[in-house]
């Protein structure tokens, strides 16, 4: 079987690598950055992605370290709230 080459060691690339390895499919991840580190940014993980992470056995860790977001706001460049959404109702 040929090896799957994955370009990018972000969430998507590493999740794909984990899924492939669990299916006994050889793969290699190529990442430009010399090391993976925190960058001070938050990420959002939607419901379907959480289901995938659960199936891969890492959903519990996500829940331990993450925090749910209940309200989403769209703001102007000056910080004025343009719209607000209840994310608990998003499936």
PDB file of N, CA and C in Angstrom:
ATOM      1  N   UNK A   1       0.854  -1.175   0.000  1.00  0.00           N
ATOM      2  CA  UNK A   1       0.000   0.000   0.000  1.00  0.00           C
ATOM      3  C   UNK A   1       0.900   1.239   0.000  1.00  0.00           C
ATOM      4  N   UNK A   2       0.539   2.207  -0.807  1.00  0.00           N
ATOM      5  CA  UNK A   2       1.311   3.445  -0.859  1.00  0.00           C
ATOM      6  C   UNK A   2       1.017   4.307   0.358  1.00  0.00           C
ATOM      7  N   UNK A   3       1.988   5.141   0.695  1.00  0.00           N
ATOM      8  CA  UNK A   3       1.850   6.037   1.836  1.00  0.00           C
ATOM      9  C   UNK A   3       1.078   7.293   1.426  1.00  0.00           C
ATOM     10  N   UNK A   4       0.166   7.727   2.278  1.00  0.00           N
ATOM     11  CA  UNK A   4      -0.581   8.963   2.059  1.00  0.00           C
ATOM     12  C   UNK A   4       0.257  10.107   2.614  1.00  0.00           C
ATOM     13  N   UNK A   5       0.480  11.135   1.807  1.00  0.00           N
ATOM     14  CA  UNK A   5       1.233  12.308   2.237  1.00  0.00           C
ATOM     15  C   UNK A   5       0.250  13.399   2.629  1.00  0.00           C
ATOM     16  N   UNK A   6       0.392  13.913   3.834  1.00  0.00           N
ATOM     17  CA  UNK A   6      -0.499  14.946   4.359  1.00  0.00           C
ATOM     18  C   UNK A   6       0.304  16.226   4.501  1.00  0.00           C
ATOM     19  N   UNK A   7      -0.140  17.270   3.836  1.00  0.00           N
ATOM     20  CA  UNK A   7       0.543  18.560   3.907  1.00  0.00           C
ATOM     21  C   UNK A   7      -0.174  19.424   4.929  1.00  0.00           C
ATOM     22  N   UNK A   8       0.504  19.706   6.028  1.00  0.00           N
ATOM     23  CA  UNK A   8      -0.050  20.551   7.078  1.00  0.00           C
ATOM     24  C   UNK A   8      -0.296  19.771   8.354  1.00  0.00           C
ATOM     25  N   UNK A   9       0.310  20.239   9.436  1.00  0.00           N
ATOM     26  CA  UNK A   9       0.178  19.585  10.728  1.00  0.00           C
ATOM     27  C   UNK A   9      -0.783  20.294  11.656  1.00  0.00           C
ATOM     28  N   UNK A  10      -1.792  20.945  11.078  1.00  0.00           N
ATOM     29  CA  UNK A  10      -2.816  21.581  11.901  1.00  0.00           C
ATOM     30  C   UNK A  10      -3.843  20.559  12.353  1.00  0.00           C
ATOM     31  N   UNK A  11      -4.953  21.056  12.820  1.00  0.00           N
ATOM     32  CA  UNK A  11      -5.996  20.168  13.341  1.00  0.00           C
ATOM     33  C   UNK A  11      -6.460  19.175  12.283  1.00  0.00           C
ATOM     34  N   UNK A  12      -6.717  19.663  11.085  1.00  0.00           N
ATOM     35  CA  UNK A  12      -7.203  18.783  10.025  1.00  0.00           C
ATOM     36  C   UNK A  12      -6.188  17.730   9.627  1.00  0.00           C
ATOM     37  N   UNK A  13      -4.940  18.149   9.435  1.00  0.00           N
ATOM     38  CA  UNK A  13      -3.898  17.211   9.029  1.00  0.00           C
ATOM     39  C   UNK A  13      -3.625  16.147  10.074  1.00  0.00           C
ATOM     40  N   UNK A  14      -3.543  16.564  11.340  1.00  0.00           N
ATOM     41  CA  UNK A  14      -3.268  15.598  12.402  1.00  0.00           C
ATOM     42  C   UNK A  14      -4.453  14.671  12.654  1.00  0.00           C
ATOM     43  N   UNK A  15      -5.669  15.187  12.502  1.00  0.00           N
ATOM     44  CA  UNK A  15      -6.852  14.336  12.648  1.00  0.00           C
ATOM     45  C   UNK A  15      -6.887  13.292  11.541  1.00  0.00           C
ATOM     46  N   UNK A  16      -6.581  13.718  10.316  1.00  0.00           N
ATOM     47  CA  UNK A  16      -6.527  12.773   9.203  1.00  0.00           C
ATOM     48  C   UNK A  16      -5.455  11.718   9.444  1.00  0.00           C
ATOM     49  N   UNK A  17      -4.290  12.131   9.916  1.00  0.00           N
ATOM     50  CA  UNK A  17      -3.213  11.174  10.185  1.00  0.00           C
ATOM     51  C   UNK A  17      -3.639  10.148  11.235  1.00  0.00           C
ATOM     52  N   UNK A  18      -4.293  10.604  12.290  1.00  0.00           N
ATOM     53  CA  UNK A  18      -4.763   9.687  13.331  1.00  0.00           C
ATOM     54  C   UNK A  18      -5.778   8.697  12.770  1.00  0.00           C
ATOM     55  N   UNK A  19      -6.718   9.198  11.971  1.00  0.00           N
ATOM     56  CA  UNK A  19      -7.735   8.320  11.381  1.00  0.00           C
ATOM     57  C   UNK A  19      -7.096   7.291  10.445  1.00  0.00           C
ATOM     58  N   UNK A  20      -6.145   7.719   9.634  1.00  0.00           N
ATOM     59  CA  UNK A  20      -5.481   6.795   8.714  1.00  0.00           C
ATOM     60  C   UNK A  20      -4.681   5.740   9.471  1.00  0.00           C
ATOM     61  N   UNK A  21      -3.966   6.160  10.492  1.00  0.00           N
ATOM     62  CA  UNK A  21      -3.171   5.203  11.275  1.00  0.00           C
ATOM     63  C   UNK A  21      -4.071   4.181  11.962  1.00  0.00           C
ATOM     64  N   UNK A  22      -5.216   4.638  12.454  1.00  0.00           N
ATOM     65  CA  UNK A  22      -6.155   3.706  13.103  1.00  0.00           C
ATOM     66  C   UNK A  22      -6.703   2.697  12.098  1.00  0.00           C
ATOM     67  N   UNK A  23      -6.734   3.084  10.811  1.00  0.00           N
ATOM     68  CA  UNK A  23      -7.204   2.189   9.752  1.00  0.00           C
ATOM     69  C   UNK A  23      -6.041   1.418   9.113  1.00  0.00           C
ATOM     70  N   UNK A  24      -4.857   1.494   9.746  1.00  0.00           N
ATOM     71  CA  UNK A  24      -3.649   0.817   9.244  1.00  0.00           C
ATOM     72  C   UNK A  24      -3.248   1.258   7.849  1.00  0.00           C
ATOM     73  N   UNK A  25      -3.466   2.535   7.559  1.00  0.00           N
ATOM     74  CA  UNK A  25      -3.048   3.112   6.283  1.00  0.00           C
ATOM     75  C   UNK A  25      -1.809   3.961   6.557  1.00  0.00           C
ATOM     76  N   UNK A  26      -0.686   3.647   5.919  1.00  0.00           N
ATOM     77  CA  UNK A  26       0.535   4.406   6.182  1.00  0.00           C
ATOM     78  C   UNK A  26       0.406   5.856   5.709  1.00  0.00           C
ATOM     79  N   UNK A  27       0.922   6.762   6.526  1.00  0.00           N
ATOM     80  CA  UNK A  27       0.851   8.177   6.164  1.00  0.00           C
ATOM     81  C   UNK A  27       2.026   8.927   6.777  1.00  0.00           C
ATOM     82  N   UNK A  28       2.297  10.090   6.218  1.00  0.00           N
ATOM     83  CA  UNK A  28       3.336  10.983   6.734  1.00  0.00           C
ATOM     84  C   UNK A  28       2.797  12.401   6.687  1.00  0.00           C
ATOM     85  N   UNK A  29       3.055  13.161   7.749  1.00  0.00           N
ATOM     86  CA  UNK A  29       2.605  14.551   7.841  1.00  0.00           C
ATOM     87  C   UNK A  29       3.795  15.459   7.565  1.00  0.00           C
ATOM     88  N   UNK A  30       3.607  16.426   6.675  1.00  0.00           N
ATOM     89  CA  UNK A  30       4.634  17.418   6.362  1.00  0.00           C
ATOM     90  C   UNK A  30       4.149  18.778   6.828  1.00  0.00           C
ATOM     91  N   UNK A  31       4.924  19.393   7.699  1.00  0.00           N
ATOM     92  CA  UNK A  31       4.574  20.697   8.269  1.00  0.00           C
ATOM     93  C   UNK A  31       5.763  21.635   8.094  1.00  0.00           C
ATOM     94  N   UNK A  32       5.487  22.844   7.631  1.00  0.00           N
ATOM     95  CA  UNK A  32       6.534  23.829   7.387  1.00  0.00           C
ATOM     96  C   UNK A  32       7.156  24.340   8.684  1.00  0.00           C
ATOM     97  N   UNK A  33       6.336  24.533   9.714  1.00  0.00           N
ATOM     98  CA  UNK A  33       6.835  25.070  10.987  1.00  0.00           C
ATOM     99  C   UNK A  33       7.791  24.064  11.635  1.00  0.00           C
ATOM    100  N   UNK A  34       8.872  24.548  12.232  1.00  0.00           N
ATOM    101  CA  UNK A  34       9.838  23.637  12.851  1.00  0.00           C
ATOM    102  C   UNK A  34       9.300  22.933  14.096  1.00  0.00           C
ATOM    103  N   UNK A  35       8.284  23.503  14.736  1.00  0.00           N
ATOM    104  CA  UNK A  35       7.665  22.879  15.902  1.00  0.00           C
ATOM    105  C   UNK A  35       6.219  23.334  15.998  1.00  0.00           C
ATOM    106  N   UNK A  36       5.394  22.512  16.628  1.00  0.00           N
ATOM    107  CA  UNK A  36       4.002  22.873  16.854  1.00  0.00           C
ATOM    108  C   UNK A  36       3.909  23.525  18.224  1.00  0.00           C
ATOM    109  N   UNK A  37       3.306  24.705  18.277  1.00  0.00           N
ATOM    110  CA  UNK A  37       3.201  25.407  19.555  1.00  0.00           C
ATOM    111  C   UNK A  37       1.930  26.237  19.573  1.00  0.00           C
ATOM    112  N   UNK A  38       1.557  26.668  20.764  1.00  0.00           N
ATOM    113  CA  UNK A  38       0.392  27.526  20.906  1.00  0.00           C
ATOM    114  C   UNK A  38       0.696  28.884  20.286  1.00  0.00           C
ATOM    115  N   UNK A  39      -0.322  29.470  19.658  1.00  0.00           N
ATOM    116  CA  UNK A  39      -0.128  30.776  19.034  1.00  0.00           C
ATOM    117  C   UNK A  39      -1.004  31.844  19.666  1.00  0.00           C
ATOM    118  N   UNK A  40      -1.694  31.511  20.733  1.00  0.00           N
ATOM    119  CA  UNK A  40      -2.525  32.493  21.415  1.00  0.00           C
ATOM    120  C   UNK A  40      -3.862  32.746  20.750  1.00  0.00           C
ATOM    121  N   UNK A  41      -4.268  31.857  19.885  1.00  0.00           N
ATOM    122  CA  UNK A  41      -5.540  32.017  19.184  1.00  0.00           C
ATOM    123  C   UNK A  41      -6.517  30.944  19.647  1.00  0.00           C
ATOM    124  N   UNK A  42      -7.775  31.277  19.616  1.00  0.00           N
ATOM    125  CA  UNK A  42      -8.797  30.292  19.922  1.00  0.00           C
ATOM    126  C   UNK A  42      -9.252  29.606  18.648  1.00  0.00           C
ATOM    127  N   UNK A  43      -9.806  28.434  18.792  1.00  0.00           N
ATOM    128  CA  UNK A  43     -10.368  27.725  17.645  1.00  0.00           C
ATOM    129  C   UNK A  43     -11.783  27.290  17.985  1.00  0.00           C
ATOM    130  N   UNK A  44     -12.580  27.157  16.964  1.00  0.00           N
ATOM    131  CA  UNK A  44     -13.932  26.649  17.130  1.00  0.00           C
ATOM    132  C   UNK A  44     -14.026  25.266  16.522  1.00  0.00           C
ATOM    133  N   UNK A  45     -14.632  24.349  17.246  1.00  0.00           N
ATOM    134  CA  UNK A  45     -14.821  22.990  16.754  1.00  0.00           C
ATOM    135  C   UNK A  45     -16.322  22.729  16.736  1.00  0.00           C
ATOM    136  N   UNK A  46     -16.885  22.584  15.553  1.00  0.00           N
ATOM    137  CA  UNK A  46     -18.320  22.408  15.406  1.00  0.00           C
ATOM    138  C   UNK A  46     -18.738  20.981  15.710  1.00  0.00           C
ATOM    139  N   UNK A  47     -20.017  20.780  15.848  1.00  0.00           N
ATOM    140  CA  UNK A  47     -20.599  19.517  16.291  1.00  0.00           C
ATOM    141  C   UNK A  47     -20.106  18.314  15.494  1.00  0.00           C
ATOM    142  N   UNK A  48     -20.112  18.386  14.180  1.00  0.00           N
ATOM    143  CA  UNK A  48     -19.686  17.241  13.372  1.00  0.00           C
ATOM    144  C   UNK A  48     -18.218  16.912  13.595  1.00  0.00           C
ATOM    145  N   UNK A  49     -17.393  17.932  13.776  1.00  0.00           N
ATOM    146  CA  UNK A  49     -15.974  17.692  14.048  1.00  0.00           C
ATOM    147  C   UNK A  49     -15.790  17.041  15.413  1.00  0.00           C
ATOM    148  N   UNK A  50     -16.572  17.450  16.393  1.00  0.00           N
ATOM    149  CA  UNK A  50     -16.495  16.836  17.725  1.00  0.00           C
ATOM    150  C   UNK A  50     -16.876  15.359  17.638  1.00  0.00           C
ATOM    151  N   UNK A  51     -17.861  15.031  16.825  1.00  0.00           N
ATOM    152  CA  UNK A  51     -18.258  13.628  16.651  1.00  0.00           C
ATOM    153  C   UNK A  51     -17.103  12.804  16.078  1.00  0.00           C
ATOM    154  N   UNK A  52     -16.381  13.368  15.119  1.00  0.00           N
ATOM    155  CA  UNK A  52     -15.218  12.675  14.548  1.00  0.00           C
ATOM    156  C   UNK A  52     -14.149  12.487  15.617  1.00  0.00           C
ATOM    157  N   UNK A  53     -13.875  13.540  16.382  1.00  0.00           N
ATOM    158  CA  UNK A  53     -12.866  13.442  17.441  1.00  0.00           C
ATOM    159  C   UNK A  53     -13.277  12.429  18.505  1.00  0.00           C
ATOM    160  N   UNK A  54     -14.580  12.330  18.786  1.00  0.00           N
ATOM    161  CA  UNK A  54     -15.072  11.297  19.707  1.00  0.00           C
ATOM    162  C   UNK A  54     -14.764   9.902  19.167  1.00  0.00           C
ATOM    163  N   UNK A  55     -15.026   9.695  17.889  1.00  0.00           N
ATOM    164  CA  UNK A  55     -14.780   8.380  17.282  1.00  0.00           C
ATOM    165  C   UNK A  55     -13.301   8.022  17.284  1.00  0.00           C
ATOM    166  N   UNK A  56     -12.440   9.039  17.252  1.00  0.00           N
ATOM    167  CA  UNK A  56     -10.995   8.804  17.278  1.00  0.00           C
ATOM    168  C   UNK A  56     -10.453   8.703  18.706  1.00  0.00           C
ATOM    169  N   UNK A  57     -11.339   8.894  19.683  1.00  0.00           N
ATOM    170  CA  UNK A  57     -10.936   8.734  21.071  1.00  0.00           C
ATOM    171  C   UNK A  57     -10.314   9.953  21.722  1.00  0.00           C
ATOM    172  N   UNK A  58     -10.442  11.124  21.107  1.00  0.00           N
ATOM    173  CA  UNK A  58      -9.844  12.334  21.691  1.00  0.00           C
ATOM    174  C   UNK A  58     -10.882  13.385  22.069  1.00  0.00           C
ATOM    175  N   UNK A  59     -12.152  13.070  21.919  1.00  0.00           N
ATOM    176  CA  UNK A  59     -13.211  14.022  22.254  1.00  0.00           C
ATOM    177  C   UNK A  59     -13.236  14.382  23.729  1.00  0.00           C
ATOM    178  N   UNK A  60     -12.981  13.405  24.595  1.00  0.00           N
ATOM    179  CA  UNK A  60     -12.990  13.674  26.042  1.00  0.00           C
ATOM    180  C   UNK A  60     -11.906  14.678  26.406  1.00  0.00           C
ATOM    181  N   UNK A  61     -10.738  14.540  25.799  1.00  0.00           N
ATOM    182  CA  UNK A  61      -9.634  15.484  26.075  1.00  0.00           C
ATOM    183  C   UNK A  61     -10.011  16.886  25.612  1.00  0.00           C
ATOM    184  N   UNK A  62     -10.690  16.980  24.479  1.00  0.00           N
ATOM    185  CA  UNK A  62     -11.162  18.271  23.986  1.00  0.00           C
ATOM    186  C   UNK A  62     -12.088  18.915  25.013  1.00  0.00           C
ATOM    187  N   UNK A  63     -12.998  18.130  25.547  1.00  0.00           N
ATOM    188  CA  UNK A  63     -13.946  18.662  26.530  1.00  0.00           C
ATOM    189  C   UNK A  63     -13.261  19.078  27.832  1.00  0.00           C
ATOM    190  N   UNK A  64     -12.179  18.381  28.209  1.00  0.00           N
ATOM    191  CA  UNK A  64     -11.435  18.725  29.425  1.00  0.00           C
ATOM    192  C   UNK A  64     -10.722  20.065  29.299  1.00  0.00           C
ATOM    193  N   UNK A  65     -10.190  20.342  28.124  1.00  0.00           N
ATOM    194  CA  UNK A  65      -9.358  21.538  27.947  1.00  0.00           C
ATOM    195  C   UNK A  65     -10.094  22.693  27.290  1.00  0.00           C
ATOM    196  N   UNK A  66     -11.192  22.407  26.626  1.00  0.00           N
ATOM    197  CA  UNK A  66     -11.935  23.448  25.920  1.00  0.00           C
ATOM    198  C   UNK A  66     -13.071  24.004  26.757  1.00  0.00           C
ATOM    199  N   UNK A  67     -13.707  24.997  26.208  1.00  0.00           N
ATOM    200  CA  UNK A  67     -14.868  25.606  26.858  1.00  0.00           C
ATOM    201  C   UNK A  67     -15.926  25.860  25.794  1.00  0.00           C
ATOM    202  N   UNK A  68     -17.171  25.505  26.076  1.00  0.00           N
ATOM    203  CA  UNK A  68     -18.221  25.743  25.082  1.00  0.00           C
ATOM    204  C   UNK A  68     -18.480  27.234  24.889  1.00  0.00           C
ATOM    205  N   UNK A  69     -18.823  27.584  23.682  1.00  0.00           N
ATOM    206  CA  UNK A  69     -19.203  28.959  23.350  1.00  0.00           C
ATOM    207  C   UNK A  69     -20.705  28.948  23.116  1.00  0.00           C
ATOM    208  N   UNK A  70     -21.422  29.780  23.834  1.00  0.00           N
ATOM    209  CA  UNK A  70     -22.878  29.769  23.753  1.00  0.00           C
ATOM    210  C   UNK A  70     -23.438  30.890  22.882  1.00  0.00           C
ATOM    211  N   UNK A  71     -22.727  31.998  22.794  1.00  0.00           N
ATOM    212  CA  UNK A  71     -23.190  33.154  22.020  1.00  0.00           C
ATOM    213  C   UNK A  71     -22.114  33.545  21.013  1.00  0.00           C
ATOM    214  N   UNK A  72     -22.524  33.792  19.779  1.00  0.00           N
ATOM    215  CA  UNK A  72     -21.617  34.283  18.747  1.00  0.00           C
ATOM    216  C   UNK A  72     -22.034  35.673  18.316  1.00  0.00           C
ATOM    217  N   UNK A  73     -21.061  36.545  18.139  1.00  0.00           N
ATOM    218  CA  UNK A  73     -21.359  37.916  17.718  1.00  0.00           C
ATOM    219  C   UNK A  73     -20.556  38.278  16.482  1.00  0.00           C
ATOM    220  N   UNK A  74     -21.188  39.005  15.578  1.00  0.00           N
ATOM    221  CA  UNK A  74     -20.509  39.609  14.433  1.00  0.00           C
ATOM    222  C   UNK A  74     -20.384  41.089  14.755  1.00  0.00           C
ATOM    223  N   UNK A  75     -19.159  41.603  14.673  1.00  0.00           N
ATOM    224  CA  UNK A  75     -18.928  42.999  15.043  1.00  0.00           C
ATOM    225  C   UNK A  75     -18.315  43.769  13.884  1.00  0.00           C
ATOM    226  N   UNK A  76     -18.548  45.071  13.889  1.00  0.00           N
ATOM    227  CA  UNK A  76     -17.927  45.951  12.905  1.00  0.00           C
ATOM    228  C   UNK A  76     -16.462  46.156  13.282  1.00  0.00           C
ATOM    229  N   UNK A  77     -15.709  46.805  12.410  1.00  0.00           N
ATOM    230  CA  UNK A  77     -14.303  47.096  12.686  1.00  0.00           C
ATOM    231  C   UNK A  77     -14.146  47.958  13.930  1.00  0.00           C
ATOM    232  N   UNK A  78     -15.184  48.701  14.279  1.00  0.00           N
ATOM    233  CA  UNK A  78     -15.136  49.568  15.462  1.00  0.00           C
ATOM    234  C   UNK A  78     -15.663  48.870  16.716  1.00  0.00           C
ATOM    235  N   UNK A  79     -16.023  47.594  16.596  1.00  0.00           N
ATOM    236  CA  UNK A  79     -16.477  46.832  17.750  1.00  0.00           C
ATOM    237  C   UNK A  79     -17.973  46.868  18.004  1.00  0.00           C
ATOM    238  N   UNK A  80     -18.733  47.526  17.127  1.00  0.00           N
ATOM    239  CA  UNK A  80     -20.185  47.574  17.293  1.00  0.00           C
ATOM    240  C   UNK A  80     -20.778  46.212  16.932  1.00  0.00           C
ATOM    241  N   UNK A  81     -21.625  45.675  17.810  1.00  0.00           N
ATOM    242  CA  UNK A  81     -22.254  44.379  17.553  1.00  0.00           C
ATOM    243  C   UNK A  81     -23.274  44.539  16.435  1.00  0.00           C
ATOM    244  N   UNK A  82     -23.084  43.787  15.356  1.00  0.00           N
ATOM    245  CA  UNK A  82     -23.984  43.839  14.205  1.00  0.00           C
ATOM    246  C   UNK A  82     -25.051  42.756  14.285  1.00  0.00           C
ATOM    247  N   UNK A  83     -24.684  41.597  14.821  1.00  0.00           N
ATOM    248  CA  UNK A  83     -25.654  40.514  15.008  1.00  0.00           C
ATOM    249  C   UNK A  83     -25.158  39.597  16.117  1.00  0.00           C
ATOM    250  N   UNK A  84     -26.098  38.901  16.713  1.00  0.00           N
ATOM    251  CA  UNK A  84     -25.786  37.985  17.816  1.00  0.00           C
ATOM    252  C   UNK A  84     -26.577  36.701  17.580  1.00  0.00           C
ATOM    253  N   UNK A  85     -25.930  35.552  17.796  1.00  0.00           N
ATOM    254  CA  UNK A  85     -26.585  34.258  17.586  1.00  0.00           C
ATOM    255  C   UNK A  85     -26.417  33.376  18.811  1.00  0.00           C
ATOM    256  N   UNK A  86     -27.466  32.621  19.121  1.00  0.00           N
ATOM    257  CA  UNK A  86     -27.405  31.627  20.183  1.00  0.00           C
ATOM    258  C   UNK A  86     -26.841  30.346  19.569  1.00  0.00           C
ATOM    259  N   UNK A  87     -25.600  30.014  19.889  1.00  0.00           N
ATOM    260  CA  UNK A  87     -24.945  28.859  19.284  1.00  0.00           C
ATOM    261  C   UNK A  87     -25.401  27.538  19.884  1.00  0.00           C
ATOM    262  N   UNK A  88     -26.114  27.574  21.000  1.00  0.00           N
ATOM    263  CA  UNK A  88     -26.665  26.344  21.567  1.00  0.00           C
ATOM    264  C   UNK A  88     -27.709  25.737  20.635  1.00  0.00           C
ATOM    265  N   UNK A  89     -28.274  26.555  19.758  1.00  0.00           N
ATOM    266  CA  UNK A  89     -29.308  26.082  18.842  1.00  0.00           C
ATOM    267  C   UNK A  89     -28.734  25.634  17.504  1.00  0.00           C
ATOM    268  N   UNK A  90     -27.420  25.786  17.320  1.00  0.00           N
ATOM    269  CA  UNK A  90     -26.773  25.378  16.073  1.00  0.00           C
ATOM    270  C   UNK A  90     -26.435  23.901  16.174  1.00  0.00           C
ATOM    271  N   UNK A  91     -26.836  23.145  15.179  1.00  0.00           N
ATOM    272  CA  UNK A  91     -26.551  21.703  15.185  1.00  0.00           C
ATOM    273  C   UNK A  91     -25.600  21.387  14.064  1.00  0.00           C
TER     274      UNK A  91
END
